[in-house]
Amino acid sequence: MIQENELITLLLWVGLLIFILTGRSRLKRLLSSEILIMGFCAFLAGRILTVLEGFFWGDLLNFLEHGFNAVGSVSLLVWCLRVFGKRGARQRDESCSHF
């Protein structure tokens, strides 16, 4: 059984995907942007699996959903550590020195 809040959440994530795809060139200027994008894709896959589990293979898709959420969380953590950690601060300062 599909729940309305899960469908609305998926639609919001798809809207965010459109926003990211249209601003991809600016997003790539961020430090370690590929890790951030990978995390977003993992979270989006989790939202898609949340909706699909209401139709078929509920237990398997629920397991995969939580796996993708874990991958997205770890990706976001790694990105934050790279950008806001000590090494990331040094790299950020070096990359901004040409402005």
PDB file of N, CA and C in Angstrom:
ATOM      1  N   MET A   1       0.839  -1.180   0.000  1.00  0.00           N
ATOM      2  CA  MET A   1       0.000   0.000   0.000  1.00  0.00           C
ATOM      3  C   MET A   1       0.885   1.244   0.000  1.00  0.00           C
ATOM      4  N   ILE A   2       0.630   2.121  -0.925  1.00  0.00           N
ATOM      5  CA  ILE A   2       1.422   3.343  -1.031  1.00  0.00           C
ATOM      6  C   ILE A   2       0.855   4.404  -0.092  1.00  0.00           C
ATOM      7  N   GLN A   3       1.755   5.154   0.527  1.00  0.00           N
ATOM      8  CA  GLN A   3       1.333   6.221   1.419  1.00  0.00           C
ATOM      9  C   GLN A   3       1.581   7.562   0.736  1.00  0.00           C
ATOM     10  N   GLU A   4       0.669   8.488   0.953  1.00  0.00           N
ATOM     11  CA  GLU A   4       0.739   9.779   0.269  1.00  0.00           C
ATOM     12  C   GLU A   4       1.996  10.548   0.633  1.00  0.00           C
ATOM     13  N   ASN A   5       2.404  10.502   1.906  1.00  0.00           N
ATOM     14  CA  ASN A   5       3.588  11.254   2.315  1.00  0.00           C
ATOM     15  C   ASN A   5       4.850  10.741   1.634  1.00  0.00           C
ATOM     16  N   GLU A   6       4.921   9.428   1.359  1.00  0.00           N
ATOM     17  CA  GLU A   6       6.078   8.878   0.660  1.00  0.00           C
ATOM     18  C   GLU A   6       6.114   9.355  -0.784  1.00  0.00           C
ATOM     19  N   LEU A   7       4.955   9.444  -1.412  1.00  0.00           N
ATOM     20  CA  LEU A   7       4.889   9.923  -2.791  1.00  0.00           C
ATOM     21  C   LEU A   7       5.242  11.407  -2.870  1.00  0.00           C
ATOM     22  N   ILE A   8       4.763  12.194  -1.939  1.00  0.00           N
ATOM     23  CA  ILE A   8       5.086  13.628  -1.922  1.00  0.00           C
ATOM     24  C   ILE A   8       6.578  13.838  -1.687  1.00  0.00           C
ATOM     25  N   THR A   9       7.157  13.056  -0.787  1.00  0.00           N
ATOM     26  CA  THR A   9       8.594  13.150  -0.544  1.00  0.00           C
ATOM     27  C   THR A   9       9.382  12.802  -1.794  1.00  0.00           C
ATOM     28  N   LEU A  10       8.958  11.763  -2.510  1.00  0.00           N
ATOM     29  CA  LEU A  10       9.619  11.403  -3.761  1.00  0.00           C
ATOM     30  C   LEU A  10       9.523  12.540  -4.769  1.00  0.00           C
ATOM     31  N   LEU A  11       8.373  13.158  -4.885  1.00  0.00           N
ATOM     32  CA  LEU A  11       8.219  14.273  -5.819  1.00  0.00           C
ATOM     33  C   LEU A  11       9.128  15.446  -5.452  1.00  0.00           C
ATOM     34  N   LEU A  12       9.280  15.708  -4.172  1.00  0.00           N
ATOM     35  CA  LEU A  12      10.200  16.771  -3.743  1.00  0.00           C
ATOM     36  C   LEU A  12      11.647  16.435  -4.114  1.00  0.00           C
ATOM     37  N   TRP A  13      12.027  15.167  -3.947  1.00  0.00           N
ATOM     38  CA  TRP A  13      13.383  14.756  -4.308  1.00  0.00           C
ATOM     39  C   TRP A  13      13.598  14.828  -5.821  1.00  0.00           C
ATOM     40  N   VAL A  14      12.575  14.497  -6.602  1.00  0.00           N
ATOM     41  CA  VAL A  14      12.692  14.618  -8.062  1.00  0.00           C
ATOM     42  C   VAL A  14      12.832  16.089  -8.444  1.00  0.00           C
ATOM     43  N   GLY A  15      12.105  16.970  -7.763  1.00  0.00           N
ATOM     44  CA  GLY A  15      12.277  18.404  -7.997  1.00  0.00           C
ATOM     45  C   GLY A  15      13.688  18.856  -7.675  1.00  0.00           C
ATOM     46  N   LEU A  16      14.249  18.333  -6.604  1.00  0.00           N
ATOM     47  CA  LEU A  16      15.629  18.646  -6.248  1.00  0.00           C
ATOM     48  C   LEU A  16      16.591  18.110  -7.298  1.00  0.00           C
ATOM     49  N   LEU A  17      16.301  16.935  -7.862  1.00  0.00           N
ATOM     50  CA  LEU A  17      17.122  16.382  -8.933  1.00  0.00           C
ATOM     51  C   LEU A  17      17.137  17.315 -10.132  1.00  0.00           C
ATOM     52  N   ILE A  18      15.999  17.845 -10.502  1.00  0.00           N
ATOM     53  CA  ILE A  18      15.933  18.788 -11.629  1.00  0.00           C
ATOM     54  C   ILE A  18      16.766  20.026 -11.322  1.00  0.00           C
ATOM     55  N   PHE A  19      16.673  20.527 -10.107  1.00  0.00           N
ATOM     56  CA  PHE A  19      17.454  21.690  -9.684  1.00  0.00           C
ATOM     57  C   PHE A  19      18.953  21.398  -9.768  1.00  0.00           C
ATOM     58  N   ILE A  20      19.362  20.208  -9.341  1.00  0.00           N
ATOM     59  CA  ILE A  20      20.775  19.833  -9.378  1.00  0.00           C
ATOM     60  C   ILE A  20      21.253  19.671 -10.816  1.00  0.00           C
ATOM     61  N   LEU A  21      20.443  19.052 -11.657  1.00  0.00           N
ATOM     62  CA  LEU A  21      20.852  18.859 -13.052  1.00  0.00           C
ATOM     63  C   LEU A  21      20.985  20.176 -13.800  1.00  0.00           C
ATOM     64  N   THR A  22      20.123  21.129 -13.501  1.00  0.00           N
ATOM     65  CA  THR A  22      20.224  22.420 -14.193  1.00  0.00           C
ATOM     66  C   THR A  22      21.400  23.260 -13.686  1.00  0.00           C
ATOM     67  N   GLY A  23      21.818  23.047 -12.448  1.00  0.00           N
ATOM     68  CA  GLY A  23      22.937  23.807 -11.900  1.00  0.00           C
ATOM     69  C   GLY A  23      24.190  22.977 -11.728  1.00  0.00           C
ATOM     70  N   ARG A  24      24.316  21.936 -12.530  1.00  0.00           N
ATOM     71  CA  ARG A  24      25.431  20.999 -12.390  1.00  0.00           C
ATOM     72  C   ARG A  24      26.792  21.663 -12.563  1.00  0.00           C
ATOM     73  N   SER A  25      26.909  22.611 -13.481  1.00  0.00           N
ATOM     74  CA  SER A  25      28.206  23.246 -13.697  1.00  0.00           C
ATOM     75  C   SER A  25      28.653  24.033 -12.464  1.00  0.00           C
ATOM     76  N   ARG A  26      27.720  24.697 -11.797  1.00  0.00           N
ATOM     77  CA  ARG A  26      28.078  25.426 -10.570  1.00  0.00           C
ATOM     78  C   ARG A  26      28.337  24.466  -9.420  1.00  0.00           C
ATOM     79  N   LEU A  27      27.612  23.362  -9.391  1.00  0.00           N
ATOM     80  CA  LEU A  27      27.790  22.382  -8.327  1.00  0.00           C
ATOM     81  C   LEU A  27      29.160  21.723  -8.410  1.00  0.00           C
ATOM     82  N   LYS A  28      29.670  21.515  -9.625  1.00  0.00           N
ATOM     83  CA  LYS A  28      30.963  20.868  -9.800  1.00  0.00           C
ATOM     84  C   LYS A  28      32.116  21.719  -9.287  1.00  0.00           C
ATOM     85  N   ARG A  29      31.878  23.006  -9.054  1.00  0.00           N
ATOM     86  CA  ARG A  29      32.925  23.865  -8.500  1.00  0.00           C
ATOM     87  C   ARG A  29      33.137  23.629  -7.006  1.00  0.00           C
ATOM     88  N   LEU A  30      32.197  22.943  -6.362  1.00  0.00           N
ATOM     89  CA  LEU A  30      32.358  22.620  -4.947  1.00  0.00           C
ATOM     90  C   LEU A  30      33.460  21.583  -4.770  1.00  0.00           C
ATOM     91  N   LEU A  31      34.132  21.656  -3.658  1.00  0.00           N
ATOM     92  CA  LEU A  31      35.158  20.684  -3.325  1.00  0.00           C
ATOM     93  C   LEU A  31      34.505  19.316  -3.125  1.00  0.00           C
ATOM     94  N   SER A  32      35.047  18.290  -3.775  1.00  0.00           N
ATOM     95  CA  SER A  32      34.552  16.905  -3.684  1.00  0.00           C
ATOM     96  C   SER A  32      33.069  16.794  -4.028  1.00  0.00           C
ATOM     97  N   SER A  33      32.654  17.493  -5.066  1.00  0.00           N
ATOM     98  CA  SER A  33      31.232  17.492  -5.438  1.00  0.00           C
ATOM     99  C   SER A  33      30.732  16.121  -5.858  1.00  0.00           C
ATOM    100  N   GLU A  34      31.613  15.268  -6.387  1.00  0.00           N
ATOM    101  CA  GLU A  34      31.173  13.944  -6.825  1.00  0.00           C
ATOM    102  C   GLU A  34      30.685  13.108  -5.638  1.00  0.00           C
ATOM    103  N   ILE A  35      31.278  13.304  -4.472  1.00  0.00           N
ATOM    104  CA  ILE A  35      30.826  12.572  -3.286  1.00  0.00           C
ATOM    105  C   ILE A  35      29.456  13.083  -2.847  1.00  0.00           C
ATOM    106  N   LEU A  36      29.262  14.381  -2.911  1.00  0.00           N
ATOM    107  CA  LEU A  36      27.973  14.974  -2.555  1.00  0.00           C
ATOM    108  C   LEU A  36      26.877  14.490  -3.505  1.00  0.00           C
ATOM    109  N   ILE A  37      27.168  14.445  -4.787  1.00  0.00           N
ATOM    110  CA  ILE A  37      26.196  13.981  -5.775  1.00  0.00           C
ATOM    111  C   ILE A  37      25.899  12.490  -5.584  1.00  0.00           C
ATOM    112  N   MET A  38      26.922  11.712  -5.260  1.00  0.00           N
ATOM    113  CA  MET A  38      26.704  10.294  -4.999  1.00  0.00           C
ATOM    114  C   MET A  38      25.768  10.095  -3.806  1.00  0.00           C
ATOM    115  N   GLY A  39      25.953  10.882  -2.771  1.00  0.00           N
ATOM    116  CA  GLY A  39      25.073  10.800  -1.610  1.00  0.00           C
ATOM    117  C   GLY A  39      23.646  11.171  -1.960  1.00  0.00           C
ATOM    118  N   PHE A  40      23.488  12.224  -2.767  1.00  0.00           N
ATOM    119  CA  PHE A  40      22.145  12.605  -3.204  1.00  0.00           C
ATOM    120  C   PHE A  40      21.488  11.470  -3.992  1.00  0.00           C
ATOM    121  N   CYS A  41      22.237  10.859  -4.902  1.00  0.00           N
ATOM    122  CA  CYS A  41      21.676   9.765  -5.706  1.00  0.00           C
ATOM    123  C   CYS A  41      21.278   8.581  -4.829  1.00  0.00           C
ATOM    124  N   ALA A  42      22.071   8.299  -3.795  1.00  0.00           N
ATOM    125  CA  ALA A  42      21.729   7.205  -2.883  1.00  0.00           C
ATOM    126  C   ALA A  42      20.436   7.516  -2.132  1.00  0.00           C
ATOM    127  N   PHE A  43      20.301   8.754  -1.645  1.00  0.00           N
ATOM    128  CA  PHE A  43      19.061   9.137  -0.952  1.00  0.00           C
ATOM    129  C   PHE A  43      17.864   9.094  -1.913  1.00  0.00           C
ATOM    130  N   LEU A  44      18.052   9.539  -3.153  1.00  0.00           N
ATOM    131  CA  LEU A  44      16.973   9.489  -4.140  1.00  0.00           C
ATOM    132  C   LEU A  44      16.563   8.052  -4.422  1.00  0.00           C
ATOM    133  N   ALA A  45      17.544   7.161  -4.553  1.00  0.00           N
ATOM    134  CA  ALA A  45      17.229   5.744  -4.758  1.00  0.00           C
ATOM    135  C   ALA A  45      16.436   5.192  -3.569  1.00  0.00           C
ATOM    136  N   GLY A  46      16.790   5.617  -2.376  1.00  0.00           N
ATOM    137  CA  GLY A  46      16.039   5.197  -1.197  1.00  0.00           C
ATOM    138  C   GLY A  46      14.594   5.650  -1.242  1.00  0.00           C
ATOM    139  N   ARG A  47      14.363   6.878  -1.719  1.00  0.00           N
ATOM    140  CA  ARG A  47      12.987   7.380  -1.820  1.00  0.00           C
ATOM    141  C   ARG A  47      12.202   6.599  -2.873  1.00  0.00           C
ATOM    142  N   ILE A  48      12.855   6.278  -3.985  1.00  0.00           N
ATOM    143  CA  ILE A  48      12.185   5.501  -5.044  1.00  0.00           C
ATOM    144  C   ILE A  48      11.818   4.113  -4.510  1.00  0.00           C
ATOM    145  N   LEU A  49      12.746   3.485  -3.799  1.00  0.00           N
ATOM    146  CA  LEU A  49      12.476   2.160  -3.239  1.00  0.00           C
ATOM    147  C   LEU A  49      11.376   2.209  -2.189  1.00  0.00           C
ATOM    148  N   THR A  50      11.278   3.314  -1.462  1.00  0.00           N
ATOM    149  CA  THR A  50      10.207   3.458  -0.469  1.00  0.00           C
ATOM    150  C   THR A  50       8.841   3.381  -1.132  1.00  0.00           C
ATOM    151  N   VAL A  51       8.702   4.039  -2.270  1.00  0.00           N
ATOM    152  CA  VAL A  51       7.417   4.015  -2.981  1.00  0.00           C
ATOM    153  C   VAL A  51       7.182   2.641  -3.602  1.00  0.00           C
ATOM    154  N   LEU A  52       8.221   2.059  -4.202  1.00  0.00           N
ATOM    155  CA  LEU A  52       8.056   0.764  -4.870  1.00  0.00           C
ATOM    156  C   LEU A  52       7.734  -0.364  -3.908  1.00  0.00           C
ATOM    157  N   GLU A  53       8.220  -0.267  -2.669  1.00  0.00           N
ATOM    158  CA  GLU A  53       7.960  -1.352  -1.720  1.00  0.00           C
ATOM    159  C   GLU A  53       6.479  -1.472  -1.375  1.00  0.00           C
ATOM    160  N   GLY A  54       5.707  -0.440  -1.669  1.00  0.00           N
ATOM    161  CA  GLY A  54       4.269  -0.507  -1.456  1.00  0.00           C
ATOM    162  C   GLY A  54       3.561  -1.358  -2.504  1.00  0.00           C
ATOM    163  N   PHE A  55       4.241  -1.670  -3.607  1.00  0.00           N
ATOM    164  CA  PHE A  55       3.635  -2.445  -4.691  1.00  0.00           C
ATOM    165  C   PHE A  55       4.084  -3.905  -4.706  1.00  0.00           C
ATOM    166  N   PHE A  56       5.372  -4.159  -4.488  1.00  0.00           N
ATOM    167  CA  PHE A  56       5.889  -5.523  -4.559  1.00  0.00           C
ATOM    168  C   PHE A  56       7.202  -5.636  -3.797  1.00  0.00           C
ATOM    169  N   TRP A  57       7.580  -6.858  -3.457  1.00  0.00           N
ATOM    170  CA  TRP A  57       8.841  -7.182  -2.785  1.00  0.00           C
ATOM    171  C   TRP A  57       9.103  -6.269  -1.591  1.00  0.00           C
ATOM    172  N   GLY A  58       8.115  -6.106  -0.745  1.00  0.00           N
ATOM    173  CA  GLY A  58       8.189  -5.161   0.363  1.00  0.00           C
ATOM    174  C   GLY A  58       9.408  -5.310   1.249  1.00  0.00           C
ATOM    175  N   ASP A  59       9.683  -6.548   1.689  1.00  0.00           N
ATOM    176  CA  ASP A  59      10.802  -6.749   2.614  1.00  0.00           C
ATOM    177  C   ASP A  59      12.152  -6.484   1.951  1.00  0.00           C
ATOM    178  N   LEU A  60      12.331  -6.984   0.733  1.00  0.00           N
ATOM    179  CA  LEU A  60      13.600  -6.794   0.025  1.00  0.00           C
ATOM    180  C   LEU A  60      13.841  -5.317  -0.278  1.00  0.00           C
ATOM    181  N   LEU A  61      12.822  -4.642  -0.803  1.00  0.00           N
ATOM    182  CA  LEU A  61      12.995  -3.230  -1.145  1.00  0.00           C
ATOM    183  C   LEU A  61      13.176  -2.368   0.099  1.00  0.00           C
ATOM    184  N   ASN A  62      12.559  -2.752   1.208  1.00  0.00           N
ATOM    185  CA  ASN A  62      12.760  -2.031   2.461  1.00  0.00           C
ATOM    186  C   ASN A  62      14.207  -2.173   2.926  1.00  0.00           C
ATOM    187  N   PHE A  63      14.751  -3.382   2.809  1.00  0.00           N
ATOM    188  CA  PHE A  63      16.150  -3.615   3.166  1.00  0.00           C
ATOM    189  C   PHE A  63      17.078  -2.776   2.290  1.00  0.00           C
ATOM    190  N   LEU A  64      16.826  -2.779   0.977  1.00  0.00           N
ATOM    191  CA  LEU A  64      17.649  -1.999   0.054  1.00  0.00           C
ATOM    192  C   LEU A  64      17.512  -0.497   0.316  1.00  0.00           C
ATOM    193  N   GLU A  65      16.309  -0.066   0.639  1.00  0.00           N
ATOM    194  CA  GLU A  65      16.084   1.350   0.958  1.00  0.00           C
ATOM    195  C   GLU A  65      16.976   1.789   2.115  1.00  0.00           C
ATOM    196  N   HIS A  66      16.998   1.003   3.172  1.00  0.00           N
ATOM    197  CA  HIS A  66      17.818   1.361   4.323  1.00  0.00           C
ATOM    198  C   HIS A  66      19.306   1.293   3.989  1.00  0.00           C
ATOM    199  N   GLY A  67      19.685   0.391   3.106  1.00  0.00           N
ATOM    200  CA  GLY A  67      21.075   0.337   2.645  1.00  0.00           C
ATOM    201  C   GLY A  67      21.466   1.595   1.893  1.00  0.00           C
ATOM    202  N   PHE A  68      20.590   2.053   0.996  1.00  0.00           N
ATOM    203  CA  PHE A  68      20.871   3.285   0.256  1.00  0.00           C
ATOM    204  C   PHE A  68      20.893   4.498   1.179  1.00  0.00           C
ATOM    205  N   ASN A  69      20.029   4.503   2.178  1.00  0.00           N
ATOM    206  CA  ASN A  69      20.054   5.605   3.150  1.00  0.00           C
ATOM    207  C   ASN A  69      21.372   5.620   3.918  1.00  0.00           C
ATOM    208  N   ALA A  70      21.896   4.438   4.252  1.00  0.00           N
ATOM    209  CA  ALA A  70      23.186   4.356   4.943  1.00  0.00           C
ATOM    210  C   ALA A  70      24.316   4.862   4.042  1.00  0.00           C
ATOM    211  N   VAL A  71      24.294   4.457   2.766  1.00  0.00           N
ATOM    212  CA  VAL A  71      25.314   4.917   1.818  1.00  0.00           C
ATOM    213  C   VAL A  71      25.240   6.438   1.661  1.00  0.00           C
ATOM    214  N   GLY A  72      24.034   6.972   1.565  1.00  0.00           N
ATOM    215  CA  GLY A  72      23.876   8.417   1.448  1.00  0.00           C
ATOM    216  C   GLY A  72      24.377   9.150   2.675  1.00  0.00           C
ATOM    217  N   SER A  73      24.120   8.604   3.845  1.00  0.00           N
ATOM    218  CA  SER A  73      24.573   9.230   5.086  1.00  0.00           C
ATOM    219  C   SER A  73      26.090   9.220   5.193  1.00  0.00           C
ATOM    220  N   VAL A  74      26.701   8.092   4.854  1.00  0.00           N
ATOM    221  CA  VAL A  74      28.165   8.005   4.906  1.00  0.00           C
ATOM    222  C   VAL A  74      28.781   8.942   3.858  1.00  0.00           C
ATOM    223  N   SER A  75      28.187   9.019   2.688  1.00  0.00           N
ATOM    224  CA  SER A  75      28.695   9.931   1.655  1.00  0.00           C
ATOM    225  C   SER A  75      28.634  11.381   2.122  1.00  0.00           C
ATOM    226  N   LEU A  76      27.523  11.751   2.738  1.00  0.00           N
ATOM    227  CA  LEU A  76      27.395  13.113   3.243  1.00  0.00           C
ATOM    228  C   LEU A  76      28.411  13.378   4.357  1.00  0.00           C
ATOM    229  N   LEU A  77      28.639  12.400   5.221  1.00  0.00           N
ATOM    230  CA  LEU A  77      29.639  12.542   6.273  1.00  0.00           C
ATOM    231  C   LEU A  77      31.031  12.736   5.684  1.00  0.00           C
ATOM    232  N   VAL A  78      31.396  11.909   4.708  1.00  0.00           N
ATOM    233  CA  VAL A  78      32.719  12.018   4.078  1.00  0.00           C
ATOM    234  C   VAL A  78      32.859  13.373   3.393  1.00  0.00           C
ATOM    235  N   TRP A  79      31.814  13.815   2.713  1.00  0.00           N
ATOM    236  CA  TRP A  79      31.870  15.123   2.053  1.00  0.00           C
ATOM    237  C   TRP A  79      32.070  16.238   3.073  1.00  0.00           C
ATOM    238  N   CYS A  80      31.323  16.198   4.161  1.00  0.00           N
ATOM    239  CA  CYS A  80      31.465  17.231   5.200  1.00  0.00           C
ATOM    240  C   CYS A  80      32.868  17.223   5.793  1.00  0.00           C
ATOM    241  N   LEU A  81      33.415  16.034   6.037  1.00  0.00           N
ATOM    242  CA  LEU A  81      34.767  15.959   6.589  1.00  0.00           C
ATOM    243  C   LEU A  81      35.795  16.515   5.612  1.00  0.00           C
ATOM    244  N   ARG A  82      35.621  16.231   4.330  1.00  0.00           N
ATOM    245  CA  ARG A  82      36.562  16.752   3.335  1.00  0.00           C
ATOM    246  C   ARG A  82      36.458  18.260   3.184  1.00  0.00           C
ATOM    247  N   VAL A  83      35.255  18.772   3.219  1.00  0.00           N
ATOM    248  CA  VAL A  83      35.064  20.208   2.991  1.00  0.00           C
ATOM    249  C   VAL A  83      35.332  21.013   4.251  1.00  0.00           C
ATOM    250  N   PHE A  84      34.848  20.551   5.387  1.00  0.00           N
ATOM    251  CA  PHE A  84      34.926  21.341   6.602  1.00  0.00           C
ATOM    252  C   PHE A  84      35.993  20.855   7.579  1.00  0.00           C
ATOM    253  N   GLY A  85      36.661  19.748   7.265  1.00  0.00           N
ATOM    254  CA  GLY A  85      37.730  19.257   8.120  1.00  0.00           C
ATOM    255  C   GLY A  85      38.990  20.090   7.947  1.00  0.00           C
ATOM    256  N   LYS A  86      40.048  19.738   8.635  1.00  0.00           N
ATOM    257  CA  LYS A  86      41.297  20.512   8.582  1.00  0.00           C
ATOM    258  C   LYS A  86      41.899  20.522   7.183  1.00  0.00           C
ATOM    259  N   ARG A  87      41.957  19.348   6.542  1.00  0.00           N
ATOM    260  CA  ARG A  87      42.510  19.307   5.179  1.00  0.00           C
ATOM    261  C   ARG A  87      41.613  20.057   4.215  1.00  0.00           C
ATOM    262  N   GLY A  88      40.310  19.909   4.390  1.00  0.00           N
ATOM    263  CA  GLY A  88      39.373  20.596   3.498  1.00  0.00           C
ATOM    264  C   GLY A  88      39.475  22.091   3.616  1.00  0.00           C
ATOM    265  N   ALA A  89      39.684  22.591   4.828  1.00  0.00           N
ATOM    266  CA  ALA A  89      39.826  24.037   5.026  1.00  0.00           C
ATOM    267  C   ALA A  89      41.070  24.541   4.305  1.00  0.00           C
ATOM    268  N   ARG A  90      42.156  23.765   4.372  1.00  0.00           N
ATOM    269  CA  ARG A  90      43.386  24.155   3.681  1.00  0.00           C
ATOM    270  C   ARG A  90      43.169  24.158   2.168  1.00  0.00           C
ATOM    271  N   GLN A  91      42.516  23.105   1.638  1.00  0.00           N
ATOM    272  CA  GLN A  91      42.248  23.029   0.205  1.00  0.00           C
ATOM    273  C   GLN A  91      41.293  24.135  -0.230  1.00  0.00           C
ATOM    274  N   ARG A  92      40.311  24.433   0.606  1.00  0.00           N
ATOM    275  CA  ARG A  92      39.359  25.482   0.285  1.00  0.00           C
ATOM    276  C   ARG A  92      40.062  26.829   0.222  1.00  0.00           C
ATOM    277  N   ASP A  93      40.978  27.077   1.158  1.00  0.00           N
ATOM    278  CA  ASP A  93      41.723  28.336   1.154  1.00  0.00           C
ATOM    279  C   ASP A  93      42.608  28.446  -0.078  1.00  0.00           C
ATOM    280  N   GLU A  94      43.235  27.337  -0.481  1.00  0.00           N
ATOM    281  CA  GLU A  94      44.085  27.354  -1.659  1.00  0.00           C
ATOM    282  C   GLU A  94      43.267  27.562  -2.922  1.00  0.00           C
ATOM    283  N   SER A  95      42.089  26.937  -3.005  1.00  0.00           N
ATOM    284  CA  SER A  95      41.276  27.080  -4.210  1.00  0.00           C
ATOM    285  C   SER A  95      40.647  28.461  -4.313  1.00  0.00           C
ATOM    286  N   CYS A  96      40.461  29.147  -3.194  1.00  0.00           N
ATOM    287  CA  CYS A  96      39.860  30.481  -3.208  1.00  0.00           C
ATOM    288  C   CYS A  96      40.897  31.586  -3.348  1.00  0.00           C
ATOM    289  N   SER A  97      42.181  31.232  -3.307  1.00  0.00           N
ATOM    290  CA  SER A  97      43.210  32.261  -3.346  1.00  0.00           C
ATOM    291  C   SER A  97      43.324  32.940  -4.703  1.00  0.00           C
ATOM    292  N   HIS A  98      42.786  32.321  -5.755  1.00  0.00           N
ATOM    293  CA  HIS A  98      42.903  32.919  -7.080  1.00  0.00           C
ATOM    294  C   HIS A  98      41.796  33.937  -7.369  1.00  0.00           C
ATOM    295  N   PHE A  99      40.879  34.159  -6.445  1.00  0.00           N
ATOM    296  CA  PHE A  99      39.794  35.116  -6.682  1.00  0.00           C
ATOM    297  C   PHE A  99      40.245  36.496  -6.400  1.00  0.00           C
TER     298      PHE A  99
END
